[in-house]
Every structure is written in structure tokens, then in C-alpha cells.
C-alpha atoms as a PDB file:
ATOM      1  CA  UNK A   1     -12.437  -3.493 128.986  1.00  0.00           C
ATOM      2  CA  UNK A   2     -14.742  -6.346 127.928  1.00  0.00           C
ATOM      3  CA  UNK A   3     -13.523  -9.869 127.148  1.00  0.00           C
ATOM      4  CA  UNK A   4     -14.155  -9.241 123.417  1.00  0.00           C
ATOM      5  CA  UNK A   5     -12.118  -6.017 123.466  1.00  0.00           C
ATOM      6  CA  UNK A   6      -9.358  -7.748 125.429  1.00  0.00           C
ATOM      7  CA  UNK A   7      -9.188 -10.596 122.870  1.00  0.00           C
ATOM      8  CA  UNK A   8      -9.009  -8.100 119.987  1.00  0.00           C
ATOM      9  CA  UNK A   9      -6.217  -6.228 121.756  1.00  0.00           C
ATOM     10  CA  UNK A  10      -4.363  -9.508 122.323  1.00  0.00           C
ATOM     11  CA  UNK A  11      -4.607 -10.305 118.580  1.00  0.00           C
ATOM     12  CA  UNK A  12      -3.265  -6.866 117.731  1.00  0.00           C
ATOM     13  CA  UNK A  13      -0.343  -7.213 120.152  1.00  0.00           C
ATOM     14  CA  UNK A  14       0.412 -10.754 118.988  1.00  0.00           C
ATOM     15  CA  UNK A  15       0.603  -9.722 115.342  1.00  0.00           C
ATOM     16  CA  UNK A  16       2.752  -6.682 116.170  1.00  0.00           C
ATOM     17  CA  UNK A  17       5.073  -8.854 118.254  1.00  0.00           C
ATOM     18  CA  UNK A  18       5.445 -11.335 115.406  1.00  0.00           C
ATOM     19  CA  UNK A  19       6.292  -8.539 112.947  1.00  0.00           C
ATOM     20  CA  UNK A  20       8.829  -7.036 115.369  1.00  0.00           C
ATOM     21  CA  UNK A  21      10.468 -10.448 115.812  1.00  0.00           C
ATOM     22  CA  UNK A  22      10.374 -11.416 112.112  1.00  0.00           C
ATOM     23  CA  UNK A  23      12.088  -8.181 111.057  1.00  0.00           C
ATOM     24  CA  UNK A  24      14.331  -7.693 114.105  1.00  0.00           C
ATOM     25  CA  UNK A  25      12.756  -4.330 114.842  1.00  0.00           C
ATOM     26  CA  UNK A  26      13.270  -4.344 118.616  1.00  0.00           C
ATOM     27  CA  UNK A  27      16.524  -5.219 120.355  1.00  0.00           C
ATOM     28  CA  UNK A  28      17.684  -5.148 123.933  1.00  0.00           C
ATOM     29  CA  UNK A  29      18.669  -1.623 124.980  1.00  0.00           C
ATOM     30  CA  UNK A  30      16.826   0.175 122.167  1.00  0.00           C
ATOM     31  CA  UNK A  31      15.438   3.625 122.732  1.00  0.00           C
ATOM     32  CA  UNK A  32      12.629   3.947 120.213  1.00  0.00           C
ATOM     33  CA  UNK A  33      11.077   7.261 119.225  1.00  0.00           C
ATOM     34  CA  UNK A  34       7.525   6.977 117.938  1.00  0.00           C
ATOM     35  CA  UNK A  35       6.767   9.616 115.322  1.00  0.00           C
ATOM     36  CA  UNK A  36       3.474  10.792 116.806  1.00  0.00           C
ATOM     37  CA  UNK A  37       1.306  12.787 114.420  1.00  0.00           C
ATOM     38  CA  UNK A  38      -1.756  12.454 116.648  1.00  0.00           C
ATOM     39  CA  UNK A  39      -3.559  10.357 114.036  1.00  0.00           C
ATOM     40  CA  UNK A  40      -5.006   6.895 114.664  1.00  0.00           C
ATOM     41  CA  UNK A  41      -2.081   4.987 113.164  1.00  0.00           C
ATOM     42  CA  UNK A  42       0.671   6.663 115.179  1.00  0.00           C
ATOM     43  CA  UNK A  43      -1.379   6.601 118.397  1.00  0.00           C
ATOM     44  CA  UNK A  44      -2.047   2.875 117.885  1.00  0.00           C
ATOM     45  CA  UNK A  45       1.668   2.295 117.274  1.00  0.00           C
ATOM     46  CA  UNK A  46       2.574   4.178 120.459  1.00  0.00           C
ATOM     47  CA  UNK A  47       0.085   2.115 122.450  1.00  0.00           C
ATOM     48  CA  UNK A  48       1.390  -1.159 120.982  1.00  0.00           C
ATOM     49  CA  UNK A  49       5.082  -0.400 121.590  1.00  0.00           C
ATOM     50  CA  UNK A  50       4.448   0.913 125.106  1.00  0.00           C
ATOM     51  CA  UNK A  51       2.330  -2.124 125.986  1.00  0.00           C
ATOM     52  CA  UNK A  52       4.745  -4.674 124.503  1.00  0.00           C
ATOM     53  CA  UNK A  53       7.452  -3.445 126.917  1.00  0.00           C
ATOM     54  CA  UNK A  54       5.644  -5.477 129.580  1.00  0.00           C
ATOM     55  CA  UNK A  55       6.058  -8.875 127.917  1.00  0.00           C
ATOM     56  CA  UNK A  56       8.790  -8.809 125.272  1.00  0.00           C
ATOM     57  CA  UNK A  57      12.055 -10.354 126.426  1.00  0.00           C
ATOM     58  CA  UNK A  58      13.950  -7.331 125.053  1.00  0.00           C
ATOM     59  CA  UNK A  59      14.186  -4.395 127.432  1.00  0.00           C
ATOM     60  CA  UNK A  60      13.696  -1.095 125.600  1.00  0.00           C
ATOM     61  CA  UNK A  61      12.482   2.467 126.093  1.00  0.00           C
ATOM     62  CA  UNK A  62       9.806   4.312 124.151  1.00  0.00           C
ATOM     63  CA  UNK A  63       9.481   8.073 123.709  1.00  0.00           C
ATOM     64  CA  UNK A  64       6.994   9.994 121.588  1.00  0.00           C
ATOM     65  CA  UNK A  65       7.970  12.881 119.330  1.00  0.00           C
ATOM     66  CA  UNK A  66       5.587  15.184 117.493  1.00  0.00           C
ATOM     67  CA  UNK A  67       6.918  17.526 114.828  1.00  0.00           C
ATOM     68  CA  UNK A  68       5.283  20.952 115.158  1.00  0.00           C
ATOM     69  CA  UNK A  69       4.957  22.334 111.634  1.00  0.00           C
ATOM     70  CA  UNK A  70       4.931  25.901 112.950  1.00  0.00           C
ATOM     71  CA  UNK A  71       1.296  26.399 111.947  1.00  0.00           C
ATOM     72  CA  UNK A  72      -0.028  26.732 115.489  1.00  0.00           C
ATOM     73  CA  UNK A  73      -0.734  23.693 117.640  1.00  0.00           C
ATOM     74  CA  UNK A  74      -4.196  22.375 118.407  1.00  0.00           C
ATOM     75  CA  UNK A  75      -4.062  22.640 122.208  1.00  0.00           C
ATOM     76  CA  UNK A  76      -6.878  20.098 122.665  1.00  0.00           C
ATOM     77  CA  UNK A  77      -4.965  17.524 120.594  1.00  0.00           C
ATOM     78  CA  UNK A  78      -1.647  18.295 122.319  1.00  0.00           C
ATOM     79  CA  UNK A  79      -3.256  17.843 125.757  1.00  0.00           C
ATOM     80  CA  UNK A  80      -4.868  14.549 124.696  1.00  0.00           C
ATOM     81  CA  UNK A  81      -1.488  13.258 123.468  1.00  0.00           C
ATOM     82  CA  UNK A  82       0.261  14.432 126.654  1.00  0.00           C
ATOM     83  CA  UNK A  83      -2.336  12.617 128.769  1.00  0.00           C
ATOM     84  CA  UNK A  84      -1.976   9.412 126.736  1.00  0.00           C
ATOM     85  CA  UNK A  85       1.824   9.524 127.058  1.00  0.00           C
ATOM     86  CA  UNK A  86       1.536  10.068 130.806  1.00  0.00           C
ATOM     87  CA  UNK A  87      -0.847   7.092 131.070  1.00  0.00           C
ATOM     88  CA  UNK A  88       1.548   4.903 129.036  1.00  0.00           C
ATOM     89  CA  UNK A  89       4.592   6.165 130.995  1.00  0.00           C
ATOM     90  CA  UNK A  90       6.217   7.508 127.836  1.00  0.00           C
ATOM     91  CA  UNK A  91       8.183  10.764 127.630  1.00  0.00           C
ATOM     92  CA  UNK A  92       6.671  13.182 125.116  1.00  0.00           C
ATOM     93  CA  UNK A  93       8.592  15.785 123.134  1.00  0.00           C
ATOM     94  CA  UNK A  94       7.373  18.389 120.660  1.00  0.00           C
ATOM     95  CA  UNK A  95       9.943  19.339 118.013  1.00  0.00           C
ATOM     96  CA  UNK A  96       9.311  22.937 116.855  1.00  0.00           C
ATOM     97  CA  UNK A  97      10.012  23.649 113.179  1.00  0.00           C
ATOM     98  CA  UNK A  98       9.281  26.225 110.485  1.00  0.00           C
ATOM     99  CA  UNK A  99       8.261  23.604 107.925  1.00  0.00           C
ATOM    100  CA  UNK A 100       4.862  25.175 107.286  1.00  0.00           C
ATOM    101  CA  UNK A 101       6.392  28.594 106.633  1.00  0.00           C
ATOM    102  CA  UNK A 102       9.115  27.154 104.383  1.00  0.00           C
ATOM    103  CA  UNK A 103       6.787  24.973 102.329  1.00  0.00           C
ATOM    104  CA  UNK A 104       3.809  27.313 102.005  1.00  0.00           C
ATOM    105  CA  UNK A 105       5.079  30.877 102.443  1.00  0.00           C
ATOM    106  CA  UNK A 106       8.694  30.865 101.230  1.00  0.00           C
ATOM    107  CA  UNK A 107       8.718  28.129  98.575  1.00  0.00           C
ATOM    108  CA  UNK A 108       4.985  28.360  97.790  1.00  0.00           C
ATOM    109  CA  UNK A 109       4.987  24.680  96.804  1.00  0.00           C
ATOM    110  CA  UNK A 110       2.090  23.784  94.484  1.00  0.00           C
ATOM    111  CA  UNK A 111       2.468  20.096  95.495  1.00  0.00           C
ATOM    112  CA  UNK A 112       3.909  20.289  99.010  1.00  0.00           C
ATOM    113  CA  UNK A 113       3.415  16.684 100.177  1.00  0.00           C
ATOM    114  CA  UNK A 114       6.786  15.192  99.236  1.00  0.00           C
ATOM    115  CA  UNK A 115       8.883  18.117 100.475  1.00  0.00           C
ATOM    116  CA  UNK A 116       6.825  18.396 103.651  1.00  0.00           C
ATOM    117  CA  UNK A 117       7.158  14.647 104.367  1.00  0.00           C
ATOM    118  CA  UNK A 118      10.930  14.736 103.816  1.00  0.00           C
ATOM    119  CA  UNK A 119      11.344  17.758 106.064  1.00  0.00           C
ATOM    120  CA  UNK A 120       9.170  16.233 108.803  1.00  0.00           C
ATOM    121  CA  UNK A 121      11.140  12.969 108.645  1.00  0.00           C
ATOM    122  CA  UNK A 122      14.404  14.953 108.899  1.00  0.00           C
ATOM    123  CA  UNK A 123      13.135  16.908 111.906  1.00  0.00           C
ATOM    124  CA  UNK A 124      11.928  13.678 113.535  1.00  0.00           C
ATOM    125  CA  UNK A 125      15.299  12.019 112.896  1.00  0.00           C
ATOM    126  CA  UNK A 126      17.212  14.979 114.355  1.00  0.00           C
ATOM    127  CA  UNK A 127      14.969  15.104 117.409  1.00  0.00           C
ATOM    128  CA  UNK A 128      15.310  11.356 117.962  1.00  0.00           C
ATOM    129  CA  UNK A 129      19.110  11.668 117.884  1.00  0.00           C
ATOM    130  CA  UNK A 130      18.983  14.650 120.263  1.00  0.00           C
ATOM    131  CA  UNK A 131      16.954  12.544 122.741  1.00  0.00           C
ATOM    132  CA  UNK A 132      19.334   9.589 122.552  1.00  0.00           C
ATOM    133  CA  UNK A 133      17.145   7.318 120.408  1.00  0.00           C
ATOM    134  CA  UNK A 134      18.667   4.730 118.102  1.00  0.00           C
ATOM    135  CA  UNK A 135      15.376   3.860 116.373  1.00  0.00           C
ATOM    136  CA  UNK A 136      12.356   5.715 115.043  1.00  0.00           C
ATOM    137  CA  UNK A 137       9.049   3.883 114.644  1.00  0.00           C
ATOM    138  CA  UNK A 138       6.553   5.102 112.058  1.00  0.00           C
ATOM    139  CA  UNK A 139       2.865   4.160 111.920  1.00  0.00           C
ATOM    140  CA  UNK A 140       2.699   3.139 108.258  1.00  0.00           C
ATOM    141  CA  UNK A 141       0.622   0.045 107.514  1.00  0.00           C
ATOM    142  CA  UNK A 142       0.186  -2.343 104.557  1.00  0.00           C
ATOM    143  CA  UNK A 143      -2.293  -0.052 102.791  1.00  0.00           C
ATOM    144  CA  UNK A 144       0.248   2.790 102.926  1.00  0.00           C
ATOM    145  CA  UNK A 145       2.761   0.531 101.188  1.00  0.00           C
ATOM    146  CA  UNK A 146       0.211  -0.369  98.489  1.00  0.00           C
ATOM    147  CA  UNK A 147      -0.768   3.280  97.981  1.00  0.00           C
ATOM    148  CA  UNK A 148       2.906   4.212  97.676  1.00  0.00           C
ATOM    149  CA  UNK A 149       3.439   1.547  95.005  1.00  0.00           C
ATOM    150  CA  UNK A 150       0.365   2.641  93.032  1.00  0.00           C
ATOM    151  CA  UNK A 151       1.400   6.314  93.182  1.00  0.00           C
ATOM    152  CA  UNK A 152       4.864   5.433  91.898  1.00  0.00           C
ATOM    153  CA  UNK A 153       3.398   3.390  89.045  1.00  0.00           C
ATOM    154  CA  UNK A 154       0.924   6.144  88.202  1.00  0.00           C
ATOM    155  CA  UNK A 155       3.668   8.795  88.158  1.00  0.00           C
ATOM    156  CA  UNK A 156       6.016   6.555  86.189  1.00  0.00           C
ATOM    157  CA  UNK A 157       8.488   6.529  89.079  1.00  0.00           C
ATOM    158  CA  UNK A 158      11.036   3.820  89.602  1.00  0.00           C
ATOM    159  CA  UNK A 159       9.455   1.126  91.796  1.00  0.00           C
ATOM    160  CA  UNK A 160      12.900   0.079  92.961  1.00  0.00           C
ATOM    161  CA  UNK A 161      12.752   3.293  94.999  1.00  0.00           C
ATOM    162  CA  UNK A 162      10.280   1.656  97.355  1.00  0.00           C
ATOM    163  CA  UNK A 163      13.038   1.251  99.900  1.00  0.00           C
ATOM    164  CA  UNK A 164      11.319   4.008 101.861  1.00  0.00           C
ATOM    165  CA  UNK A 165       8.506   1.537 102.590  1.00  0.00           C
ATOM    166  CA  UNK A 166      10.723  -1.247 103.942  1.00  0.00           C
ATOM    167  CA  UNK A 167      10.007  -2.649 107.395  1.00  0.00           C
ATOM    168  CA  UNK A 168      13.431  -1.487 108.590  1.00  0.00           C
ATOM    169  CA  UNK A 169      16.120   0.833 107.171  1.00  0.00           C
ATOM    170  CA  UNK A 170      19.007   3.020 108.342  1.00  0.00           C
ATOM    171  CA  UNK A 171      19.325   6.804 107.946  1.00  0.00           C
ATOM    172  CA  UNK A 172      22.214   8.761 109.452  1.00  0.00           C
ATOM    173  CA  UNK A 173      22.811   6.181 112.183  1.00  0.00           C
ATOM    174  CA  UNK A 174      19.141   5.876 113.155  1.00  0.00           C
ATOM    175  CA  UNK A 175      17.160   2.779 112.218  1.00  0.00           C
ATOM    176  CA  UNK A 176      13.634   3.480 111.028  1.00  0.00           C
ATOM    177  CA  UNK A 177      11.108   0.700 111.686  1.00  0.00           C
ATOM    178  CA  UNK A 178       7.484   0.195 110.698  1.00  0.00           C
ATOM    179  CA  UNK A 179       5.927  -2.326 113.099  1.00  0.00           C
ATOM    180  CA  UNK A 180       2.453  -1.924 111.566  1.00  0.00           C
ATOM    181  CA  UNK A 181       3.376  -2.935 107.989  1.00  0.00           C
ATOM    182  CA  UNK A 182       1.734  -6.336 108.434  1.00  0.00           C
ATOM    183  CA  UNK A 183      -1.614  -4.701 109.313  1.00  0.00           C
ATOM    184  CA  UNK A 184      -4.192  -3.388 106.875  1.00  0.00           C
ATOM    185  CA  UNK A 185      -6.030  -0.158 107.644  1.00  0.00           C
ATOM    186  CA  UNK A 186      -9.226  -2.175 108.203  1.00  0.00           C
ATOM    187  CA  UNK A 187      -7.509  -4.450 110.750  1.00  0.00           C
ATOM    188  CA  UNK A 188      -6.207  -1.472 112.723  1.00  0.00           C
ATOM    189  CA  UNK A 189      -9.536   0.336 112.653  1.00  0.00           C
ATOM    190  CA  UNK A 190     -11.380  -2.806 113.774  1.00  0.00           C
ATOM    191  CA  UNK A 191      -9.097  -2.982 116.800  1.00  0.00           C
ATOM    192  CA  UNK A 192      -9.564   0.648 117.897  1.00  0.00           C
END
């Protein structure tokens, strides 16, 4: 890693640490499940949380959980994620579901995104609880929050329902956190 790359990584970790401290996202004894889709945002989040274990005063565990939609896994992607988790010393779990079948074959949803997202979040929550986690970290960033607001305004939805994009919230005894909410998509991509 070059000095320039190292400085960029340090900036990324510093900003993530500040967000975690400002919003009380990480506490001593936490076991945090990272919802790992395999995309850039969730992989970056996993890397940040695993790396911050070395220097944060709070002692916590990190595990990674991918929700298998039941559509057939991409073995190349699964192996890449397994290797990354091994390198970061993070346990990796794959939660099998029938979400794809339910959404596309049984319900034949014309606009499946909302139902699919809710079902994936439920499966992730259940898996986190089953693995003893008290927190789930999601890789949403500031642009996701803005897009969510604009979609709600466009659809005429109630913007007070934006609680789903808070930095921290509780669902069925599990606290969901979004450590990347202070980052824009461009900032994250510049750091990768």
C-alpha cells in the first residue's frame, strides 16, 4: 500500500470512527453483524468495522451475513467474500431464504423492491439474532438517504417515515446502525 493510499484509508477510518462515536453506534461488548450484499458499500463497511477493532477503545466482534435470495449463488462472488472475511478474521454466514421464489414466482410482484428489501432485512435480523448479534450494520451512505427522501417526495409519501434512514434504530431487540451515513458515494468510491 502506497503512502497516498494509506493516507486515504486513514481519512476513511477517521471519518467512520467519528460517525460511530457521534451516534453511539459501537459499544463495549457489541457483536455486530454486517449485512454483506457483496457490493462495494457493504464490503467497504465490513473492512472499516473489522479494521477499527484494532484501535477503538470499545472491544467488539464483527460477523458478516449474506442473505441468499434462493436464486442460485454466484460461486465466484461467494468465494471472494469468504476469502475477504478470512483475511479480516471475521466469521461469515450465508442465510438461505426463498425470497426470490416468494417475490417473483408466488406473488409475481410488478414492483418487487420494497417487499424484497423488507424480507431481506427481516432475514438478516433473524440471522443476526441466531448468531448472538445485538447490532446489524448496513452499508447505506448519505446519497442513499437523499435518494430515499426524493423517492418519498416523488411518490407523495410521508417524509416523517424516514426513520428507516436514521443512523441508529431498534427493531425486535436488535439495533440497526449505518456507520457510512456521513459519507457520500463519491467519497467512498474515491477511497476504494
